[in-house]
C-alpha atoms as a PDB file:
ATOM      1  CA  MET A   1     100.089  95.512  94.807  1.00  0.00           C
ATOM      2  CA  SER A   2     100.210  93.904  98.654  1.00  0.00           C
ATOM      3  CA  PHE A   3     103.203  91.115  97.734  1.00  0.00           C
ATOM      4  CA  ILE A   4     105.088  94.498  96.026  1.00  0.00           C
ATOM      5  CA  ILE A   5     103.987  96.296  99.312  1.00  0.00           C
ATOM      6  CA  THR A   6     105.180  93.283 101.573  1.00  0.00           C
ATOM      7  CA  ILE A   7     108.204  93.239  99.808  1.00  0.00           C
ATOM      8  CA  PHE A   8     109.361  96.757  99.728  1.00  0.00           C
ATOM      9  CA  ALA A   9     109.212  96.882 103.141  1.00  0.00           C
ATOM     10  CA  LEU A  10     110.617  93.379 104.316  1.00  0.00           C
ATOM     11  CA  SER A  11     113.396  94.704 102.273  1.00  0.00           C
ATOM     12  CA  ILE A  12     113.680  98.053 104.643  1.00  0.00           C
ATOM     13  CA  VAL A  13     113.809  95.924 107.635  1.00  0.00           C
ATOM     14  CA  ILE A  14     116.250  94.206 106.023  1.00  0.00           C
ATOM     15  CA  PHE A  15     118.276  97.289 105.130  1.00  0.00           C
ATOM     16  CA  ILE A  16     117.592  99.280 108.250  1.00  0.00           C
ATOM     17  CA  HIS A  17     119.812  96.232 109.275  1.00  0.00           C
ATOM     18  CA  GLU A  18     122.152  95.618 106.998  1.00  0.00           C
ATOM     19  CA  LEU A  19     122.294 100.026 107.997  1.00  0.00           C
ATOM     20  CA  GLY A  20     122.849 100.336 111.656  1.00  0.00           C
ATOM     21  CA  HIS A  21     125.848  98.371 110.993  1.00  0.00           C
ATOM     22  CA  LEU A  22     127.658 100.747 108.512  1.00  0.00           C
ATOM     23  CA  ILE A  23     126.822 103.830 111.153  1.00  0.00           C
ATOM     24  CA  ALA A  24     127.818 101.384 113.890  1.00  0.00           C
ATOM     25  CA  ALA A  25     131.202 100.575 112.232  1.00  0.00           C
ATOM     26  CA  LYS A  26     132.189 104.703 110.664  1.00  0.00           C
ATOM     27  CA  TRP A  27     131.756 105.412 114.057  1.00  0.00           C
ATOM     28  CA  ALA A  28     133.906 102.699 115.584  1.00  0.00           C
ATOM     29  CA  LYS A  29     135.981 103.002 112.301  1.00  0.00           C
ATOM     30  CA  ILE A  30     136.471 100.516 111.185  1.00  0.00           C
ATOM     31  CA  GLY A  31     136.555  99.893 107.241  1.00  0.00           C
ATOM     32  CA  VAL A  32     133.809  99.675 104.944  1.00  0.00           C
ATOM     33  CA  TYR A  33     134.555  98.823 101.844  1.00  0.00           C
ATOM     34  CA  GLU A  34     130.748  98.857 100.492  1.00  0.00           C
ATOM     35  CA  PHE A  35     127.120  99.229 101.868  1.00  0.00           C
ATOM     36  CA  ALA A  36     124.118  97.956  99.461  1.00  0.00           C
ATOM     37  CA  ILE A  37     120.659  98.786  98.645  1.00  0.00           C
ATOM     38  CA  GLY A  38     119.741  95.500  96.533  1.00  0.00           C
ATOM     39  CA  MET A  39     120.899  92.224  95.573  1.00  0.00           C
ATOM     40  CA  GLY A  40     122.286  90.930  92.598  1.00  0.00           C
ATOM     41  CA  PRO A  41     124.256  92.548  90.107  1.00  0.00           C
ATOM     42  CA  LYS A  42     125.455  96.067  90.888  1.00  0.00           C
ATOM     43  CA  LEU A  43     123.486  98.459  89.093  1.00  0.00           C
ATOM     44  CA  ILE A  44     125.135 102.345  90.286  1.00  0.00           C
ATOM     45  CA  GLY A  45     127.704 102.668  92.542  1.00  0.00           C
ATOM     46  CA  ARG A  46     129.290 106.356  94.207  1.00  0.00           C
ATOM     47  CA  LYS A  47     132.527 105.917  96.395  1.00  0.00           C
ATOM     48  CA  TRP A  48     132.685 108.357  99.212  1.00  0.00           C
ATOM     49  CA  GLY A  49     135.573 107.685 101.354  1.00  0.00           C
ATOM     50  CA  GLU A  50     136.829 104.255 101.570  1.00  0.00           C
ATOM     51  CA  THR A  51     132.737 103.168 100.660  1.00  0.00           C
ATOM     52  CA  GLU A  52     131.718 102.526  97.632  1.00  0.00           C
ATOM     53  CA  TYR A  53     127.788 103.002  97.770  1.00  0.00           C
ATOM     54  CA  THR A  54     125.545 100.790  95.523  1.00  0.00           C
ATOM     55  CA  ILE A  55     122.034 100.422  94.069  1.00  0.00           C
ATOM     56  CA  ARG A  56     122.179  96.455  92.648  1.00  0.00           C
ATOM     57  CA  LEU A  57     119.680  95.338  90.369  1.00  0.00           C
ATOM     58  CA  LEU A  58     117.129  92.702  93.340  1.00  0.00           C
ATOM     59  CA  PRO A  59     115.682  95.306  95.332  1.00  0.00           C
ATOM     60  CA  ILE A  60     116.131  92.719  98.292  1.00  0.00           C
ATOM     61  CA  GLY A  61     117.282  94.340 101.620  1.00  0.00           C
ATOM     62  CA  GLY A  62     121.312  95.110 100.942  1.00  0.00           C
ATOM     63  CA  PHE A  63     124.276  94.259 102.491  1.00  0.00           C
ATOM     64  CA  VAL A  64     127.724  95.478 103.865  1.00  0.00           C
ATOM     65  CA  LYS A  65     130.723  94.420 103.455  1.00  0.00           C
ATOM     66  CA  LEU A  66     133.164  94.610 107.107  1.00  0.00           C
ATOM     67  CA  ALA A  67     137.354  95.172 106.472  1.00  0.00           C
ATOM     68  CA  GLY A  68     138.250  91.733 108.266  1.00  0.00           C
ATOM     69  CA  MET A  69     135.254  89.514 107.613  1.00  0.00           C
ATOM     70  CA  ASP A  70     135.148  90.175 104.193  1.00  0.00           C
ATOM     71  CA  ASP A  71     137.349  90.445 101.090  1.00  0.00           C
ATOM     72  CA  ALA A  72     138.674  93.001 100.281  1.00  0.00           C
ATOM     73  CA  PRO A  73     137.568  94.622  96.211  1.00  0.00           C
ATOM     74  CA  GLU A  74     140.784  95.232  94.055  1.00  0.00           C
ATOM     75  CA  ASN A  75     139.746  99.265  94.846  1.00  0.00           C
ATOM     76  CA  ALA A  76     139.820  99.064  97.924  1.00  0.00           C
ATOM     77  CA  HIS A  77     142.179 101.282 100.102  1.00  0.00           C
ATOM     78  CA  VAL A  78     141.986 100.325 103.996  1.00  0.00           C
ATOM     79  CA  SER A  79     144.243 100.735 106.511  1.00  0.00           C
ATOM     80  CA  THR A  80     145.055  97.895 108.462  1.00  0.00           C
ATOM     81  CA  ASP A  81     144.143 100.064 111.397  1.00  0.00           C
ATOM     82  CA  GLN A  82     140.363 100.011 110.242  1.00  0.00           C
ATOM     83  CA  ASP A  83     140.469  95.863 110.122  1.00  0.00           C
ATOM     84  CA  LEU A  84     137.720  95.074 112.671  1.00  0.00           C
ATOM     85  CA  TYR A  85     139.574  92.735 115.017  1.00  0.00           C
ATOM     86  CA  SER A  86     142.176  95.034 115.729  1.00  0.00           C
ATOM     87  CA  LYS A  87     139.971  97.482 117.609  1.00  0.00           C
ATOM     88  CA  LYS A  88     139.530  96.689 121.374  1.00  0.00           C
ATOM     89  CA  PRO A  89     136.387  94.251 122.138  1.00  0.00           C
ATOM     90  CA  PHE A  90     133.792  96.779 122.606  1.00  0.00           C
ATOM     91  CA  PRO A  91     133.315  98.468 119.249  1.00  0.00           C
ATOM     92  CA  ARG A  92     133.733  95.439 118.352  1.00  0.00           C
ATOM     93  CA  PHE A  93     130.751  95.105 119.977  1.00  0.00           C
ATOM     94  CA  VAL A  94     128.879  97.514 118.987  1.00  0.00           C
ATOM     95  CA  THR A  95     129.580  97.147 115.070  1.00  0.00           C
ATOM     96  CA  ILE A  96     128.497  93.508 115.384  1.00  0.00           C
ATOM     97  CA  SER A  97     124.486  94.073 117.470  1.00  0.00           C
ATOM     98  CA  ALA A  98     124.045  97.589 115.649  1.00  0.00           C
ATOM     99  CA  GLY A  99     122.292  95.285 113.207  1.00  0.00           C
ATOM    100  CA  SER A 100     119.727  93.960 115.683  1.00  0.00           C
ATOM    101  CA  VAL A 101     119.677  97.290 117.644  1.00  0.00           C
ATOM    102  CA  PHE A 102     117.838  99.157 114.745  1.00  0.00           C
ATOM    103  CA  ASN A 103     115.260  96.472 114.141  1.00  0.00           C
ATOM    104  CA  ILE A 104     113.931  96.601 117.968  1.00  0.00           C
ATOM    105  CA  LEU A 105     114.294 100.571 117.618  1.00  0.00           C
ATOM    106  CA  LEU A 106     112.492 100.377 114.552  1.00  0.00           C
ATOM    107  CA  GLY A 107     109.760  97.786 115.644  1.00  0.00           C
ATOM    108  CA  PHE A 108     109.365 100.353 118.445  1.00  0.00           C
ATOM    109  CA  ILE A 109     109.264 103.243 116.014  1.00  0.00           C
ATOM    110  CA  ILE A 110     106.683 101.713 113.760  1.00  0.00           C
ATOM    111  CA  PHE A 111     104.242 100.604 117.461  1.00  0.00           C
ATOM    112  CA  VAL A 112     104.829 104.195 118.000  1.00  0.00           C
ATOM    113  CA  VAL A 113     103.382 105.779 114.705  1.00  0.00           C
ATOM    114  CA  ILE A 114     100.606 102.728 114.746  1.00  0.00           C
ATOM    115  CA  TYR A 115      99.416 104.088 118.333  1.00  0.00           C
ATOM    116  CA  THR A 116      99.269 107.810 117.491  1.00  0.00           C
ATOM    117  CA  GLY A 117      98.050 108.214 113.945  1.00  0.00           C
ATOM    118  CA  PHE A 118      96.455 105.259 113.294  1.00  0.00           C
ATOM    119  CA  GLY A 119      94.955 104.675 117.002  1.00  0.00           C
ATOM    120  CA  VAL A 120      94.184 101.048 117.889  1.00  0.00           C
ATOM    121  CA  HIS A 121      90.308  99.240 118.135  1.00  0.00           C
ATOM    122  CA  LEU A 122      90.951  97.919 122.148  1.00  0.00           C
ATOM    123  CA  PRO A 123      89.282  95.348 123.229  1.00  0.00           C
ATOM    124  CA  SER A 124      85.884  95.770 125.161  1.00  0.00           C
ATOM    125  CA  THR A 125      84.374  93.815 127.538  1.00  0.00           C
ATOM    126  CA  VAL A 126      82.068  92.684 125.276  1.00  0.00           C
ATOM    127  CA  ILE A 127      82.424  88.695 124.571  1.00  0.00           C
ATOM    128  CA  ASP A 128      82.700  87.463 121.290  1.00  0.00           C
ATOM    129  CA  SER A 129      82.942  83.472 121.359  1.00  0.00           C
ATOM    130  CA  VAL A 130      83.654  81.537 124.701  1.00  0.00           C
ATOM    131  CA  VAL A 131      86.562  79.182 123.949  1.00  0.00           C
ATOM    132  CA  THR A 132      85.649  74.715 123.986  1.00  0.00           C
ATOM    133  CA  ASN A 133      86.972  72.941 127.017  1.00  0.00           C
ATOM    134  CA  THR A 134      87.736  76.219 129.310  1.00  0.00           C
ATOM    135  CA  PRO A 135      86.100  77.849 132.258  1.00  0.00           C
ATOM    136  CA  ALA A 136      84.210  80.562 131.059  1.00  0.00           C
ATOM    137  CA  SER A 137      81.982  77.101 128.854  1.00  0.00           C
ATOM    138  CA  GLY A 138      81.358  75.184 132.308  1.00  0.00           C
ATOM    139  CA  VAL A 139      79.740  78.082 133.653  1.00  0.00           C
ATOM    140  CA  ASP A 140      76.730  80.578 131.984  1.00  0.00           C
ATOM    141  CA  ILE A 141      78.232  82.587 130.097  1.00  0.00           C
ATOM    142  CA  ARG A 142      77.533  83.326 126.913  1.00  0.00           C
ATOM    143  CA  PRO A 143      78.479  86.008 123.495  1.00  0.00           C
ATOM    144  CA  GLY A 144      77.260  88.938 123.704  1.00  0.00           C
ATOM    145  CA  ASP A 145      77.771  89.721 127.944  1.00  0.00           C
ATOM    146  CA  GLN A 146      79.370  92.047 128.786  1.00  0.00           C
ATOM    147  CA  ILE A 147      81.715  91.788 131.830  1.00  0.00           C
ATOM    148  CA  VAL A 148      81.478  95.179 133.909  1.00  0.00           C
ATOM    149  CA  SER A 149      83.337  94.066 136.729  1.00  0.00           C
ATOM    150  CA  LEU A 150      85.861  91.869 137.977  1.00  0.00           C
ATOM    151  CA  ASN A 151      85.890  91.076 142.357  1.00  0.00           C
ATOM    152  CA  ASN A 152      83.710  94.093 142.728  1.00  0.00           C
ATOM    153  CA  LEU A 153      86.196  96.287 140.406  1.00  0.00           C
ATOM    154  CA  GLN A 154      84.444  98.023 137.770  1.00  0.00           C
ATOM    155  CA  ILE A 155      86.368  97.804 134.879  1.00  0.00           C
ATOM    156  CA  ASN A 156      84.411 100.244 132.724  1.00  0.00           C
ATOM    157  CA  ASN A 157      83.865  97.809 129.097  1.00  0.00           C
ATOM    158  CA  ASN A 158      87.971  97.953 128.753  1.00  0.00           C
ATOM    159  CA  GLY A 159      88.812  94.042 128.350  1.00  0.00           C
ATOM    160  CA  ALA A 160      93.192  95.000 127.993  1.00  0.00           C
ATOM    161  CA  ARG A 161      92.354  96.312 132.289  1.00  0.00           C
ATOM    162  CA  PHE A 162      90.429  93.439 132.709  1.00  0.00           C
ATOM    163  CA  MET A 163      93.295  90.953 131.824  1.00  0.00           C
ATOM    164  CA  ASP A 164      95.276  92.957 133.354  1.00  0.00           C
ATOM    165  CA  GLU A 165      93.548  92.777 137.566  1.00  0.00           C
ATOM    166  CA  LEU A 166      92.900  89.317 136.471  1.00  0.00           C
ATOM    167  CA  GLN A 167      96.599  88.828 136.783  1.00  0.00           C
ATOM    168  CA  LYS A 168      97.243  90.340 139.399  1.00  0.00           C
ATOM    169  CA  LEU A 169      94.520  88.061 141.908  1.00  0.00           C
ATOM    170  CA  PRO A 170      95.323  85.028 143.804  1.00  0.00           C
ATOM    171  CA  PRO A 171      95.321  82.185 142.207  1.00  0.00           C
ATOM    172  CA  GLY A 172      91.619  80.458 142.804  1.00  0.00           C
ATOM    173  CA  GLN A 173      87.948  81.607 141.955  1.00  0.00           C
ATOM    174  CA  VAL A 174      86.995  85.150 140.680  1.00  0.00           C
ATOM    175  CA  GLY A 175      83.925  86.564 140.841  1.00  0.00           C
ATOM    176  CA  ILE A 176      82.370  88.458 137.952  1.00  0.00           C
ATOM    177  CA  GLN A 177      79.201  90.608 137.372  1.00  0.00           C
ATOM    178  CA  ILE A 178      77.755  89.800 133.967  1.00  0.00           C
ATOM    179  CA  LYS A 179      75.516  92.765 132.165  1.00  0.00           C
ATOM    180  CA  ARG A 180      73.124  90.412 129.687  1.00  0.00           C
ATOM    181  CA  GLY A 181      69.810  92.499 128.496  1.00  0.00           C
ATOM    182  CA  GLY A 182      68.362  94.119 131.234  1.00  0.00           C
ATOM    183  CA  ASP A 183      69.951  92.013 133.622  1.00  0.00           C
ATOM    184  CA  ILE A 184      73.182  91.459 136.316  1.00  0.00           C
ATOM    185  CA  LEU A 185      74.193  87.982 136.596  1.00  0.00           C
ATOM    186  CA  ASP A 186      76.947  86.927 139.312  1.00  0.00           C
ATOM    187  CA  VAL A 187      79.219  84.445 137.843  1.00  0.00           C
ATOM    188  CA  HIS A 188      81.874  82.700 140.126  1.00  0.00           C
ATOM    189  CA  ILE A 189      85.102  81.279 137.801  1.00  0.00           C
ATOM    190  CA  ALA A 190      88.963  79.910 138.010  1.00  0.00           C
ATOM    191  CA  PRO A 191      90.894  81.143 135.891  1.00  0.00           C
ATOM    192  CA  ILE A 192      93.314  78.720 134.231  1.00  0.00           C
ATOM    193  CA  GLN A 193      97.434  79.894 132.805  1.00  0.00           C
ATOM    194  CA  GLN A 194      98.145  79.619 129.517  1.00  0.00           C
ATOM    195  CA  ASN A 195     100.944  81.096 127.205  1.00  0.00           C
ATOM    196  CA  HIS A 196     102.009  82.157 130.619  1.00  0.00           C
ATOM    197  CA  ARG A 197      99.127  84.486 132.025  1.00  0.00           C
ATOM    198  CA  ARG A 198      95.591  83.709 133.294  1.00  0.00           C
ATOM    199  CA  VAL A 199      92.677  83.536 131.295  1.00  0.00           C
ATOM    200  CA  ILE A 200      88.654  82.345 131.096  1.00  0.00           C
ATOM    201  CA  GLY A 201      88.819  81.694 127.906  1.00  0.00           C
ATOM    202  CA  VAL A 202      86.665  84.732 126.160  1.00  0.00           C
ATOM    203  CA  MET A 203      86.996  86.283 123.341  1.00  0.00           C
ATOM    204  CA  PHE A 204      86.207  90.196 123.640  1.00  0.00           C
ATOM    205  CA  LYS A 205      84.594  92.005 120.605  1.00  0.00           C
ATOM    206  CA  LEU A 206      86.678  95.091 119.708  1.00  0.00           C
ATOM    207  CA  SER A 207      85.638  98.638 119.855  1.00  0.00           C
ATOM    208  CA  ASP A 208      84.462 100.103 117.404  1.00  0.00           C
ATOM    209  CA  THR A 209      86.234 103.654 117.518  1.00  0.00           C
ATOM    210  CA  PRO A 210      89.674 103.653 117.451  1.00  0.00           C
ATOM    211  CA  THR A 211      91.878 104.857 120.322  1.00  0.00           C
ATOM    212  CA  HIS A 212      94.187 107.745 119.758  1.00  0.00           C
ATOM    213  CA  PHE A 213      97.430 107.788 122.111  1.00  0.00           C
ATOM    214  CA  GLY A 214      99.136 111.506 123.264  1.00  0.00           C
ATOM    215  CA  PRO A 215     102.784 111.083 122.357  1.00  0.00           C
ATOM    216  CA  ILE A 216     103.637 110.201 126.361  1.00  0.00           C
ATOM    217  CA  ASN A 217     101.098 106.882 126.728  1.00  0.00           C
ATOM    218  CA  ALA A 218     102.069 105.905 122.712  1.00  0.00           C
ATOM    219  CA  VAL A 219     105.475 105.482 123.585  1.00  0.00           C
ATOM    220  CA  LYS A 220     104.748 103.568 127.279  1.00  0.00           C
ATOM    221  CA  TRP A 221     102.223 101.159 124.921  1.00  0.00           C
ATOM    222  CA  GLY A 222     105.418 101.328 122.483  1.00  0.00           C
ATOM    223  CA  LEU A 223     107.857 100.320 124.673  1.00  0.00           C
ATOM    224  CA  LYS A 224     104.947  97.358 125.899  1.00  0.00           C
ATOM    225  CA  THR A 225     104.519  96.008 122.715  1.00  0.00           C
ATOM    226  CA  THR A 226     108.042  96.004 121.766  1.00  0.00           C
ATOM    227  CA  MET A 227     108.860  94.276 125.369  1.00  0.00           C
ATOM    228  CA  ALA A 228     106.180  92.002 124.626  1.00  0.00           C
ATOM    229  CA  SER A 229     107.684  91.113 121.152  1.00  0.00           C
ATOM    230  CA  VAL A 230     110.645  90.429 122.067  1.00  0.00           C
ATOM    231  CA  GLU A 231     109.847  88.069 124.727  1.00  0.00           C
ATOM    232  CA  MET A 232     106.668  85.880 122.231  1.00  0.00           C
ATOM    233  CA  VAL A 233     110.093  85.795 120.152  1.00  0.00           C
ATOM    234  CA  PHE A 234     111.996  83.405 123.015  1.00  0.00           C
ATOM    235  CA  TYR A 235     108.772  81.513 123.555  1.00  0.00           C
ATOM    236  CA  SER A 236     108.377  80.531 120.256  1.00  0.00           C
ATOM    237  CA  VAL A 237     111.793  79.209 119.886  1.00  0.00           C
ATOM    238  CA  LYS A 238     111.500  77.063 122.998  1.00  0.00           C
ATOM    239  CA  MET A 239     108.443  76.397 121.814  1.00  0.00           C
ATOM    240  CA  MET A 240     110.794  75.119 118.498  1.00  0.00           C
ATOM    241  CA  ALA A 241     113.322  73.407 121.021  1.00  0.00           C
ATOM    242  CA  THR A 242     111.348  71.094 122.358  1.00  0.00           C
ATOM    243  CA  GLY A 243     108.808  70.172 119.746  1.00  0.00           C
ATOM    244  CA  GLY A 244     106.274  72.470 120.780  1.00  0.00           C
ATOM    245  CA  VAL A 245     105.534  74.298 116.852  1.00  0.00           C
ATOM    246  CA  LYS A 246     104.757  71.506 113.581  1.00  0.00           C
ATOM    247  CA  PRO A 247     106.703  72.191 110.675  1.00  0.00           C
ATOM    248  CA  LYS A 248     103.665  73.315 109.112  1.00  0.00           C
ATOM    249  CA  GLU A 249     103.371  76.255 111.668  1.00  0.00           C
ATOM    250  CA  MET A 250     107.001  77.562 111.278  1.00  0.00           C
ATOM    251  CA  ALA A 251     107.693  80.284 108.584  1.00  0.00           C
ATOM    252  CA  GLY A 252     110.041  81.831 106.614  1.00  0.00           C
ATOM    253  CA  VAL A 253     110.281  83.400 103.281  1.00  0.00           C
ATOM    254  CA  VAL A 254     107.446  83.025 101.707  1.00  0.00           C
ATOM    255  CA  GLY A 255     104.939  81.997 104.796  1.00  0.00           C
ATOM    256  CA  ILE A 256     106.255  85.152 106.431  1.00  0.00           C
ATOM    257  CA  VAL A 257     105.870  87.511 102.384  1.00  0.00           C
ATOM    258  CA  GLN A 258     101.702  85.311 102.699  1.00  0.00           C
ATOM    259  CA  MET A 259     100.948  86.578 106.338  1.00  0.00           C
ATOM    260  CA  ALA A 260     102.642  90.184 105.609  1.00  0.00           C
ATOM    261  CA  SER A 261     100.475  90.138 102.909  1.00  0.00           C
ATOM    262  CA  PHE A 262      97.341  89.136 104.671  1.00  0.00           C
ATOM    263  CA  GLY A 263      97.690  92.100 107.242  1.00  0.00           C
ATOM    264  CA  TYR A 264      97.583  94.317 104.647  1.00  0.00           C
ATOM    265  CA  HIS A 265      94.359  93.923 103.253  1.00  0.00           C
ATOM    266  CA  GLN A 266      93.263  93.783 107.066  1.00  0.00           C
ATOM    267  CA  GLY A 267      94.203  97.185 107.121  1.00  0.00           C
ATOM    268  CA  PHE A 268      97.744  99.282 106.773  1.00  0.00           C
ATOM    269  CA  ASP A 269      96.922  99.685 110.476  1.00  0.00           C
ATOM    270  CA  SER A 270      97.945  95.914 110.754  1.00  0.00           C
ATOM    271  CA  PHE A 271     100.065  95.654 108.243  1.00  0.00           C
ATOM    272  CA  LEU A 272     102.469  98.283 109.587  1.00  0.00           C
ATOM    273  CA  LYS A 273     101.605  95.947 113.146  1.00  0.00           C
ATOM    274  CA  PHE A 274     103.510  92.825 111.152  1.00  0.00           C
ATOM    275  CA  ILE A 275     106.349  94.073 110.004  1.00  0.00           C
ATOM    276  CA  ALA A 276     107.466  95.727 113.321  1.00  0.00           C
ATOM    277  CA  MET A 277     107.172  92.526 114.819  1.00  0.00           C
ATOM    278  CA  ILE A 278     108.997  91.080 111.889  1.00  0.00           C
ATOM    279  CA  SER A 279     111.601  93.830 112.475  1.00  0.00           C
ATOM    280  CA  ILE A 280     111.479  92.893 115.767  1.00  0.00           C
ATOM    281  CA  SER A 281     111.933  89.013 115.067  1.00  0.00           C
ATOM    282  CA  LEU A 282     114.903  89.691 113.360  1.00  0.00           C
ATOM    283  CA  GLY A 283     116.439  91.511 115.753  1.00  0.00           C
ATOM    284  CA  VAL A 284     116.544  89.663 118.600  1.00  0.00           C
ATOM    285  CA  PHE A 285     116.836  86.417 116.698  1.00  0.00           C
ATOM    286  CA  ASN A 286     119.868  87.443 114.707  1.00  0.00           C
ATOM    287  CA  LEU A 287     121.669  87.867 118.834  1.00  0.00           C
ATOM    288  CA  PHE A 288     121.162  84.042 119.463  1.00  0.00           C
ATOM    289  CA  PRO A 289     124.664  82.675 119.569  1.00  0.00           C
ATOM    290  CA  LEU A 290     124.575  80.448 116.435  1.00  0.00           C
ATOM    291  CA  PRO A 291     127.206  80.493 113.336  1.00  0.00           C
ATOM    292  CA  ALA A 292     126.584  82.697 111.055  1.00  0.00           C
ATOM    293  CA  LEU A 293     124.645  84.574 112.741  1.00  0.00           C
ATOM    294  CA  ASP A 294     125.166  88.360 114.392  1.00  0.00           C
ATOM    295  CA  GLY A 295     124.845  86.662 117.582  1.00  0.00           C
ATOM    296  CA  GLY A 296     127.851  83.890 116.885  1.00  0.00           C
ATOM    297  CA  HIS A 297     130.121  86.807 116.571  1.00  0.00           C
ATOM    298  CA  LEU A 298     129.556  87.615 119.223  1.00  0.00           C
ATOM    299  CA  ALA A 299     129.912  84.787 121.013  1.00  0.00           C
ATOM    300  CA  PHE A 300     132.977  84.562 119.844  1.00  0.00           C
ATOM    301  CA  LEU A 301     133.774  87.888 120.836  1.00  0.00           C
ATOM    302  CA  ALA A 302     132.593  87.163 124.858  1.00  0.00           C
ATOM    303  CA  ILE A 303     135.272  84.097 124.483  1.00  0.00           C
ATOM    304  CA  GLU A 304     137.724  86.511 123.030  1.00  0.00           C
ATOM    305  CA  VAL A 305     137.435  88.674 126.123  1.00  0.00           C
ATOM    306  CA  VAL A 306     137.408  85.463 128.954  1.00  0.00           C
ATOM    307  CA  ARG A 307     140.065  83.747 127.397  1.00  0.00           C
ATOM    308  CA  GLY A 308     142.217  87.335 126.903  1.00  0.00           C
ATOM    309  CA  LYS A 309     143.411  86.260 123.646  1.00  0.00           C
ATOM    310  CA  PRO A 310     141.798  86.045 120.066  1.00  0.00           C
ATOM    311  CA  LEU A 311     140.548  82.498 118.424  1.00  0.00           C
ATOM    312  CA  ASN A 312     142.337  81.051 115.448  1.00  0.00           C
ATOM    313  CA  ARG A 313     140.396  82.619 112.846  1.00  0.00           C
ATOM    314  CA  LYS A 314     141.508  79.775 110.551  1.00  0.00           C
ATOM    315  CA  TRP A 315     139.188  77.986 113.257  1.00  0.00           C
ATOM    316  CA  GLU A 316     135.745  80.877 113.798  1.00  0.00           C
ATOM    317  CA  THR A 317     136.035  80.689 110.152  1.00  0.00           C
ATOM    318  CA  LEU A 318     134.820  77.333 109.543  1.00  0.00           C
ATOM    319  CA  VAL A 319     132.663  77.252 112.472  1.00  0.00           C
ATOM    320  CA  THR A 320     130.737  79.876 110.625  1.00  0.00           C
ATOM    321  CA  ASN A 321     130.956  78.724 107.659  1.00  0.00           C
ATOM    322  CA  THR A 322     129.094  75.306 108.621  1.00  0.00           C
ATOM    323  CA  GLY A 323     126.637  77.055 110.794  1.00  0.00           C
ATOM    324  CA  PHE A 324     125.608  79.052 107.755  1.00  0.00           C
ATOM    325  CA  ALA A 325     125.216  76.180 105.640  1.00  0.00           C
ATOM    326  CA  LEU A 326     123.284  74.185 107.862  1.00  0.00           C
ATOM    327  CA  LEU A 327     121.263  78.106 108.390  1.00  0.00           C
ATOM    328  CA  MET A 328     121.379  77.700 104.418  1.00  0.00           C
ATOM    329  CA  ALA A 329     120.003  74.032 105.314  1.00  0.00           C
ATOM    330  CA  LEU A 330     117.460  75.152 107.426  1.00  0.00           C
ATOM    331  CA  MET A 331     115.560  77.947 104.837  1.00  0.00           C
ATOM    332  CA  VAL A 332     115.602  75.117 101.859  1.00  0.00           C
ATOM    333  CA  PHE A 333     113.600  73.399 104.359  1.00  0.00           C
ATOM    334  CA  ILE A 334     111.459  75.877 105.868  1.00  0.00           C
ATOM    335  CA  LEU A 335     110.845  77.731 101.632  1.00  0.00           C
ATOM    336  CA  VAL A 336     109.392  73.809 100.896  1.00  0.00           C
ATOM    337  CA  ASN A 337     107.933  73.719 104.448  1.00  0.00           C
ATOM    338  CA  ASP A 338     106.015  76.726 103.386  1.00  0.00           C
ATOM    339  CA  ILE A 339     104.805  76.023 100.312  1.00  0.00           C
ATOM    340  CA  ILE A 340     103.186  72.619 100.700  1.00  0.00           C
ATOM    341  CA  HIS A 341     101.348  74.354 103.446  1.00  0.00           C
ATOM    342  CA  TRP A 342      99.860  77.604 101.611  1.00  0.00           C
ATOM    343  CA  THR A 343      96.348  76.665 101.711  1.00  0.00           C
ATOM    344  CA  ASP A 344      97.112  75.569 105.581  1.00  0.00           C
ATOM    345  CA  ARG A 345      98.591  78.652 106.871  1.00  0.00           C
ATOM    346  CA  ASN A 346      95.885  80.764 104.409  1.00  0.00           C
ATOM    347  CA  LYS A 347      93.291  79.180 106.523  1.00  0.00           C
ATOM    348  CA  ALA A 348      95.208  79.431 110.070  1.00  0.00           C
ATOM    349  CA  LEU A 349      95.279  83.174 109.663  1.00  0.00           C
ATOM    350  CA  HIS A 350      91.443  83.503 108.956  1.00  0.00           C
ATOM    351  CA  THR A 351      91.001  81.385 112.867  1.00  0.00           C
ATOM    352  CA  THR A 352      93.460  81.720 114.801  1.00  0.00           C
ATOM    353  CA  SER A 353      93.515  84.022 118.041  1.00  0.00           C
ATOM    354  CA  SER A 354      94.380  84.259 121.882  1.00  0.00           C
ATOM    355  CA  PRO A 355      91.564  83.669 124.322  1.00  0.00           C
ATOM    356  CA  ARG A 356      91.195  86.098 127.255  1.00  0.00           C
END
């Protein structure tokens, strides 16, 4: 059941991406030959205007065929002024980037729904564990201790506030007041930098009851979480480019389904959060200037604007097809990698967390 629900959710993510392209193309008066839900052989279809709307056999994602980018079917009735490449740069930019924008917007909406409907278990300041080889492991901090103040500032059992206030302090030692049983202890510790944030090396327990946000705070935290997810995509790509990510830590479609299914068993809110992050990641990564991605088409468009004339379509097609072939080869590699490291990822899903 979790597998089926995961496939359905990921299909919605892809569907929303293609829907963004469709809506933008209609706005820009660009011809759309077909808008399909699913892949594979066509089951049913109906034509409105120049566009055929179809449902296909495999309920996985979907696609949109734009005039100028895809071959016209035999029964197509699209005029030459509806060709994508006949339009000015701005309408083309909007049409190409709309899929990614819709994905990022979907992620944001899911986060807002989580904050308002499900609520979130916010981190308390009760220490669940101390990470080895960190500042906290070198001083007298133990699981079960509760941080009550940071440099004499009361934290009120709010782990998120503790982290925010810790980032504001200048480098060097900080004073932490700890409650242990009925005793209050003073500890001095020097935070370290990790993933662009200062940490002391402890894991906080989550609060027992979820906190529900009002509409304004939900939108605020939805935006904040969306931006953090966008930043994580860039950080992940940087780690891949510099060799900071091992092959077994890379995940393709199989790995994503595996992780999403795990999130489903952790709770529907955890599952939704993972789907939101996948949607945002898909949206952002698709904007990278790589051939065969939307970002590759935007790069060609930028070159055209700078040159003042379009590129040779044959050369652009050759580069795009070459990029597509390389992308397919990478996907096959990651698919094999997913299968090989299935067991290792299962273990990692039950143990991986970030210290604070």
